[in-house]
Amino acid sequence: MSTSAKKLSLLFGLMIVLAATLAMATTPMPRPGVHSEHFTGALANLALGARFTQPFTLTVDRYSTEADLQRWNDILVTRGPYALRDELWKQEDGHLSVGGRLGYPVAAVVSRETPAGRTLLVLFNRPLRNFEVSRLTRSSKYQFSYIELNLDRNDQGNGELIAAAKLRPTGGNNLEVESLGVQPFRLLDVRAN
């Protein structure tokens, strides 16, 4: 093999190694010690008499801690709901998809043990529509969406989704959730996959 062919072969090999290194550097790595949990079920719109249901999938990549809840409560007390919304925009614990659509990032998921199993508290920033923001409608003050899933020891159960929620501090690591007034959606036949 000639000297120029060796140089070309070496250069080509270095380019492949560089490309592989760059690809690894830009590929998000999973969080250490974290495995995703997937929950599926049917979302029932009670306003339509539960005749209308859609499948949903909740993917949990990580769980927030009780200390996180305390910190968010402190933010809510000292700086208000807009500061909490901005704080939660920085965090992503999972993803919620309804009806097979792209879905929404979930800001926080907290798992609490119960005598029957566990309860998942899921919080995410509600995407506001343009007219809500431009007209400062009452609904624009309800910046969050909230899910509560009650699961048994086999990770099966039911829950509810409040599409437009306002959070109030209660002290400690609890937040009070107020619905805009619309009856919550029911999450039926929930199971871990």
C-alpha atoms as a PDB file:
ATOM      1  CA  MET A   1       0.000   0.000   0.000  1.00  0.00           C
ATOM      2  CA  SER A   2       1.387   3.393  -0.933  1.00  0.00           C
ATOM      3  CA  THR A   3       2.100   6.126   1.613  1.00  0.00           C
ATOM      4  CA  SER A   4      -0.726   8.340   0.333  1.00  0.00           C
ATOM      5  CA  ALA A   5      -3.177   5.396   0.508  1.00  0.00           C
ATOM      6  CA  LYS A   6      -2.100   4.704   4.110  1.00  0.00           C
ATOM      7  CA  LYS A   7      -2.601   8.377   5.025  1.00  0.00           C
ATOM      8  CA  LEU A   8      -6.028   8.374   3.376  1.00  0.00           C
ATOM      9  CA  SER A   9      -6.979   5.153   5.193  1.00  0.00           C
ATOM     10  CA  LEU A  10      -5.795   6.587   8.530  1.00  0.00           C
ATOM     11  CA  LEU A  11      -7.674   9.861   7.901  1.00  0.00           C
ATOM     12  CA  PHE A  12     -10.859   7.942   7.037  1.00  0.00           C
ATOM     13  CA  GLY A  13     -10.522   5.867  10.250  1.00  0.00           C
ATOM     14  CA  LEU A  14     -10.049   9.015  12.355  1.00  0.00           C
ATOM     15  CA  MET A  15     -13.149  10.577  10.773  1.00  0.00           C
ATOM     16  CA  ILE A  16     -15.220   7.505  11.711  1.00  0.00           C
ATOM     17  CA  VAL A  17     -13.956   7.620  15.318  1.00  0.00           C
ATOM     18  CA  LEU A  18     -14.657  11.383  15.502  1.00  0.00           C
ATOM     19  CA  ALA A  19     -18.177  10.934  14.094  1.00  0.00           C
ATOM     20  CA  ALA A  20     -18.924   8.147  16.582  1.00  0.00           C
ATOM     21  CA  THR A  21     -17.599  10.265  19.467  1.00  0.00           C
ATOM     22  CA  LEU A  22     -19.731  13.254  18.450  1.00  0.00           C
ATOM     23  CA  ALA A  23     -22.819  11.051  18.101  1.00  0.00           C
ATOM     24  CA  MET A  24     -22.297   9.675  21.613  1.00  0.00           C
ATOM     25  CA  ALA A  25     -21.772  13.164  23.034  1.00  0.00           C
ATOM     26  CA  THR A  26     -25.036  14.484  21.562  1.00  0.00           C
ATOM     27  CA  THR A  27     -27.175  11.427  22.399  1.00  0.00           C
ATOM     28  CA  PRO A  28     -28.944  11.915  25.731  1.00  0.00           C
ATOM     29  CA  MET A  29     -27.788   9.305  28.206  1.00  0.00           C
ATOM     30  CA  PRO A  30     -30.282   7.740  30.601  1.00  0.00           C
ATOM     31  CA  ARG A  31     -30.157   8.966  34.162  1.00  0.00           C
ATOM     32  CA  PRO A  32     -28.100   6.629  36.357  1.00  0.00           C
ATOM     33  CA  GLY A  33     -30.187   4.027  38.158  1.00  0.00           C
ATOM     34  CA  VAL A  34     -33.419   5.083  36.463  1.00  0.00           C
ATOM     35  CA  HIS A  35     -35.731   2.891  34.459  1.00  0.00           C
ATOM     36  CA  SER A  36     -38.943   4.108  32.871  1.00  0.00           C
ATOM     37  CA  GLU A  37     -42.358   2.977  34.022  1.00  0.00           C
ATOM     38  CA  HIS A  38     -45.298   3.015  31.613  1.00  0.00           C
ATOM     39  CA  PHE A  39     -48.936   3.243  32.635  1.00  0.00           C
ATOM     40  CA  THR A  40     -51.843   2.898  30.220  1.00  0.00           C
ATOM     41  CA  GLY A  41     -55.582   3.242  30.578  1.00  0.00           C
ATOM     42  CA  ALA A  42     -58.660   5.044  29.261  1.00  0.00           C
ATOM     43  CA  LEU A  43     -59.406   8.712  29.814  1.00  0.00           C
ATOM     44  CA  ALA A  44     -63.176   9.257  30.196  1.00  0.00           C
ATOM     45  CA  ASN A  45     -64.711  12.694  29.685  1.00  0.00           C
ATOM     46  CA  LEU A  46     -67.525  12.797  32.249  1.00  0.00           C
ATOM     47  CA  ALA A  47     -68.971  15.968  30.716  1.00  0.00           C
ATOM     48  CA  LEU A  48     -69.943  13.792  27.755  1.00  0.00           C
ATOM     49  CA  GLY A  49     -71.480  11.131  29.991  1.00  0.00           C
ATOM     50  CA  ALA A  50     -68.409   8.858  29.857  1.00  0.00           C
ATOM     51  CA  ARG A  51     -69.456   7.821  26.344  1.00  0.00           C
ATOM     52  CA  PHE A  52     -66.271   9.353  25.009  1.00  0.00           C
ATOM     53  CA  THR A  53     -62.990   7.728  26.048  1.00  0.00           C
ATOM     54  CA  GLN A  54     -59.470   7.897  24.690  1.00  0.00           C
ATOM     55  CA  PRO A  55     -56.445   5.757  25.492  1.00  0.00           C
ATOM     56  CA  PHE A  56     -53.608   7.408  27.371  1.00  0.00           C
ATOM     57  CA  THR A  57     -50.021   6.511  28.185  1.00  0.00           C
ATOM     58  CA  LEU A  58     -48.077   7.979  31.085  1.00  0.00           C
ATOM     59  CA  THR A  59     -44.331   7.386  30.973  1.00  0.00           C
ATOM     60  CA  VAL A  60     -42.388   8.097  34.160  1.00  0.00           C
ATOM     61  CA  ASP A  61     -38.625   8.457  33.694  1.00  0.00           C
ATOM     62  CA  ARG A  62     -37.864   9.616  37.228  1.00  0.00           C
ATOM     63  CA  TYR A  63     -39.675  10.423  40.447  1.00  0.00           C
ATOM     64  CA  SER A  64     -39.455  13.704  42.295  1.00  0.00           C
ATOM     65  CA  THR A  65     -38.849  13.585  46.022  1.00  0.00           C
ATOM     66  CA  GLU A  66     -40.756  14.890  49.007  1.00  0.00           C
ATOM     67  CA  ALA A  67     -37.939  17.463  49.346  1.00  0.00           C
ATOM     68  CA  ASP A  68     -38.794  18.674  45.823  1.00  0.00           C
ATOM     69  CA  LEU A  69     -42.413  19.132  46.937  1.00  0.00           C
ATOM     70  CA  GLN A  70     -41.246  21.155  49.935  1.00  0.00           C
ATOM     71  CA  ARG A  71     -39.084  23.343  47.678  1.00  0.00           C
ATOM     72  CA  TRP A  72     -41.993  23.943  45.263  1.00  0.00           C
ATOM     73  CA  ASN A  73     -44.266  24.792  48.179  1.00  0.00           C
ATOM     74  CA  ASP A  74     -41.667  27.325  49.361  1.00  0.00           C
ATOM     75  CA  ILE A  75     -41.462  28.836  45.864  1.00  0.00           C
ATOM     76  CA  LEU A  76     -45.247  29.098  45.731  1.00  0.00           C
ATOM     77  CA  VAL A  77     -45.350  30.862  49.120  1.00  0.00           C
ATOM     78  CA  THR A  78     -42.447  33.241  48.573  1.00  0.00           C
ATOM     79  CA  ARG A  79     -42.554  33.979  44.843  1.00  0.00           C
ATOM     80  CA  GLY A  80     -45.994  32.882  43.603  1.00  0.00           C
ATOM     81  CA  PRO A  81     -47.450  30.567  40.946  1.00  0.00           C
ATOM     82  CA  TYR A  82     -45.621  32.117  37.982  1.00  0.00           C
ATOM     83  CA  ALA A  83     -42.257  31.422  39.615  1.00  0.00           C
ATOM     84  CA  LEU A  84     -43.347  27.833  40.280  1.00  0.00           C
ATOM     85  CA  ARG A  85     -44.438  27.462  36.660  1.00  0.00           C
ATOM     86  CA  ASP A  86     -41.026  28.711  35.511  1.00  0.00           C
ATOM     87  CA  GLU A  87     -39.276  26.311  37.916  1.00  0.00           C
ATOM     88  CA  LEU A  88     -41.293  23.347  36.648  1.00  0.00           C
ATOM     89  CA  TRP A  89     -40.486  24.230  33.018  1.00  0.00           C
ATOM     90  CA  LYS A  90     -36.883  23.286  33.864  1.00  0.00           C
ATOM     91  CA  GLN A  91     -37.797  19.774  34.982  1.00  0.00           C
ATOM     92  CA  GLU A  92     -39.093  16.752  33.100  1.00  0.00           C
ATOM     93  CA  ASP A  93     -39.986  13.537  34.919  1.00  0.00           C
ATOM     94  CA  GLY A  94     -41.865  11.896  32.074  1.00  0.00           C
ATOM     95  CA  HIS A  95     -44.424  12.254  29.300  1.00  0.00           C
ATOM     96  CA  LEU A  96     -48.217  12.027  28.902  1.00  0.00           C
ATOM     97  CA  SER A  97     -49.830  11.068  25.596  1.00  0.00           C
ATOM     98  CA  VAL A  98     -53.612  11.003  25.047  1.00  0.00           C
ATOM     99  CA  GLY A  99     -55.242   9.340  22.069  1.00  0.00           C
ATOM    100  CA  GLY A 100     -51.906   8.393  20.521  1.00  0.00           C
ATOM    101  CA  ARG A 101     -50.978  12.048  19.946  1.00  0.00           C
ATOM    102  CA  LEU A 102     -47.559  13.534  20.628  1.00  0.00           C
ATOM    103  CA  GLY A 103     -48.514  14.597  24.147  1.00  0.00           C
ATOM    104  CA  TYR A 104     -46.964  16.726  26.861  1.00  0.00           C
ATOM    105  CA  PRO A 105     -43.845  16.620  29.012  1.00  0.00           C
ATOM    106  CA  VAL A 106     -44.598  15.903  32.654  1.00  0.00           C
ATOM    107  CA  ALA A 107     -42.789  18.210  35.049  1.00  0.00           C
ATOM    108  CA  ALA A 108     -43.096  16.208  38.260  1.00  0.00           C
ATOM    109  CA  VAL A 109     -44.193  12.778  39.456  1.00  0.00           C
ATOM    110  CA  VAL A 110     -44.268  11.897  43.148  1.00  0.00           C
ATOM    111  CA  SER A 111     -44.984   8.367  44.353  1.00  0.00           C
ATOM    112  CA  ARG A 112     -46.454   7.924  47.841  1.00  0.00           C
ATOM    113  CA  GLU A 113     -46.985   4.586  49.547  1.00  0.00           C
ATOM    114  CA  THR A 114     -50.538   3.840  50.722  1.00  0.00           C
ATOM    115  CA  PRO A 115     -52.000   0.884  52.654  1.00  0.00           C
ATOM    116  CA  ALA A 116     -53.474  -0.446  49.381  1.00  0.00           C
ATOM    117  CA  GLY A 117     -50.431   0.225  47.175  1.00  0.00           C
ATOM    118  CA  ARG A 118     -49.319   3.684  46.095  1.00  0.00           C
ATOM    119  CA  THR A 119     -50.576   6.998  44.777  1.00  0.00           C
ATOM    120  CA  LEU A 120     -48.879   8.841  41.932  1.00  0.00           C
ATOM    121  CA  LEU A 121     -49.172  12.633  41.956  1.00  0.00           C
ATOM    122  CA  VAL A 122     -48.406  14.020  38.493  1.00  0.00           C
ATOM    123  CA  LEU A 123     -47.999  17.721  37.735  1.00  0.00           C
ATOM    124  CA  PHE A 124     -47.356  19.434  34.436  1.00  0.00           C
ATOM    125  CA  ASN A 125     -47.550  22.893  32.931  1.00  0.00           C
ATOM    126  CA  ARG A 126     -50.791  23.359  31.043  1.00  0.00           C
ATOM    127  CA  PRO A 127     -50.305  24.724  27.539  1.00  0.00           C
ATOM    128  CA  LEU A 128     -52.263  27.979  27.483  1.00  0.00           C
ATOM    129  CA  ARG A 129     -54.071  29.026  24.328  1.00  0.00           C
ATOM    130  CA  ASN A 130     -53.265  32.389  22.769  1.00  0.00           C
ATOM    131  CA  PHE A 131     -56.654  33.928  23.567  1.00  0.00           C
ATOM    132  CA  GLU A 132     -56.306  32.965  27.253  1.00  0.00           C
ATOM    133  CA  VAL A 133     -53.059  34.895  27.508  1.00  0.00           C
ATOM    134  CA  SER A 134     -53.992  37.864  25.331  1.00  0.00           C
ATOM    135  CA  ARG A 135     -57.372  38.391  27.041  1.00  0.00           C
ATOM    136  CA  LEU A 136     -56.183  37.450  30.546  1.00  0.00           C
ATOM    137  CA  THR A 137     -59.117  35.083  30.948  1.00  0.00           C
ATOM    138  CA  ARG A 138     -59.923  33.483  34.287  1.00  0.00           C
ATOM    139  CA  SER A 139     -58.546  30.188  32.949  1.00  0.00           C
ATOM    140  CA  SER A 140     -55.104  31.761  32.400  1.00  0.00           C
ATOM    141  CA  LYS A 141     -54.667  31.744  36.196  1.00  0.00           C
ATOM    142  CA  TYR A 142     -55.004  27.929  36.153  1.00  0.00           C
ATOM    143  CA  GLN A 143     -51.582  27.194  34.716  1.00  0.00           C
ATOM    144  CA  PHE A 144     -51.156  23.555  35.672  1.00  0.00           C
ATOM    145  CA  SER A 145     -52.669  20.167  34.950  1.00  0.00           C
ATOM    146  CA  TYR A 146     -52.780  17.506  37.624  1.00  0.00           C
ATOM    147  CA  ILE A 147     -53.206  13.735  37.684  1.00  0.00           C
ATOM    148  CA  GLU A 148     -53.739  11.538  40.707  1.00  0.00           C
ATOM    149  CA  LEU A 149     -53.476   7.775  40.173  1.00  0.00           C
ATOM    150  CA  ASN A 150     -54.433   5.347  42.943  1.00  0.00           C
ATOM    151  CA  LEU A 151     -52.715   2.029  42.279  1.00  0.00           C
ATOM    152  CA  ASP A 152     -52.914  -1.289  44.102  1.00  0.00           C
ATOM    153  CA  ARG A 153     -49.968  -3.609  44.802  1.00  0.00           C
ATOM    154  CA  ASN A 154     -50.169  -4.896  41.191  1.00  0.00           C
ATOM    155  CA  ASP A 155     -49.923  -1.319  39.838  1.00  0.00           C
ATOM    156  CA  GLN A 156     -53.539  -1.354  38.654  1.00  0.00           C
ATOM    157  CA  GLY A 157     -56.189   1.185  39.543  1.00  0.00           C
ATOM    158  CA  ASN A 158     -57.978   4.393  38.616  1.00  0.00           C
ATOM    159  CA  GLY A 159     -57.473   8.098  38.894  1.00  0.00           C
ATOM    160  CA  GLU A 160     -58.480  11.538  37.782  1.00  0.00           C
ATOM    161  CA  LEU A 161     -57.072  14.322  35.662  1.00  0.00           C
ATOM    162  CA  ILE A 162     -57.719  17.994  36.343  1.00  0.00           C
ATOM    163  CA  ALA A 163     -56.976  19.690  33.035  1.00  0.00           C
ATOM    164  CA  ALA A 164     -56.849  23.261  34.395  1.00  0.00           C
ATOM    165  CA  ALA A 165     -55.609  23.502  37.985  1.00  0.00           C
ATOM    166  CA  LYS A 166     -54.387  26.168  40.364  1.00  0.00           C
ATOM    167  CA  LEU A 167     -51.988  25.286  43.192  1.00  0.00           C
ATOM    168  CA  ARG A 168     -52.095  26.672  46.708  1.00  0.00           C
ATOM    169  CA  PRO A 169     -49.461  26.151  49.389  1.00  0.00           C
ATOM    170  CA  THR A 170     -50.552  24.206  52.443  1.00  0.00           C
ATOM    171  CA  GLY A 171     -47.229  24.053  54.244  1.00  0.00           C
ATOM    172  CA  GLY A 172     -44.844  21.136  54.466  1.00  0.00           C
ATOM    173  CA  ASN A 173     -44.682  18.982  51.380  1.00  0.00           C
ATOM    174  CA  ASN A 174     -48.331  19.207  50.298  1.00  0.00           C
ATOM    175  CA  LEU A 175     -49.970  21.401  47.701  1.00  0.00           C
ATOM    176  CA  GLU A 176     -53.710  22.017  47.460  1.00  0.00           C
ATOM    177  CA  VAL A 177     -55.070  21.566  43.943  1.00  0.00           C
ATOM    178  CA  GLU A 178     -58.056  23.645  42.816  1.00  0.00           C
ATOM    179  CA  SER A 179     -59.888  22.830  39.582  1.00  0.00           C
ATOM    180  CA  LEU A 180     -61.115  25.572  37.258  1.00  0.00           C
ATOM    181  CA  GLY A 181     -64.591  24.207  37.883  1.00  0.00           C
ATOM    182  CA  VAL A 182     -64.823  21.652  35.138  1.00  0.00           C
ATOM    183  CA  GLN A 183     -65.516  18.153  36.396  1.00  0.00           C
ATOM    184  CA  PRO A 184     -62.267  16.159  36.309  1.00  0.00           C
ATOM    185  CA  PHE A 185     -61.626  13.518  33.705  1.00  0.00           C
ATOM    186  CA  ARG A 186     -61.545   9.946  34.999  1.00  0.00           C
ATOM    187  CA  LEU A 187     -58.615   7.642  34.304  1.00  0.00           C
ATOM    188  CA  LEU A 188     -59.994   4.115  34.118  1.00  0.00           C
ATOM    189  CA  ASP A 189     -58.457   0.651  33.946  1.00  0.00           C
ATOM    190  CA  VAL A 190     -54.972   1.994  34.655  1.00  0.00           C
ATOM    191  CA  ARG A 191     -52.202  -0.595  34.640  1.00  0.00           C
ATOM    192  CA  ALA A 192     -48.429  -0.658  34.509  1.00  0.00           C
ATOM    193  CA  ASN A 193     -46.924  -2.109  31.334  1.00  0.00           C
END
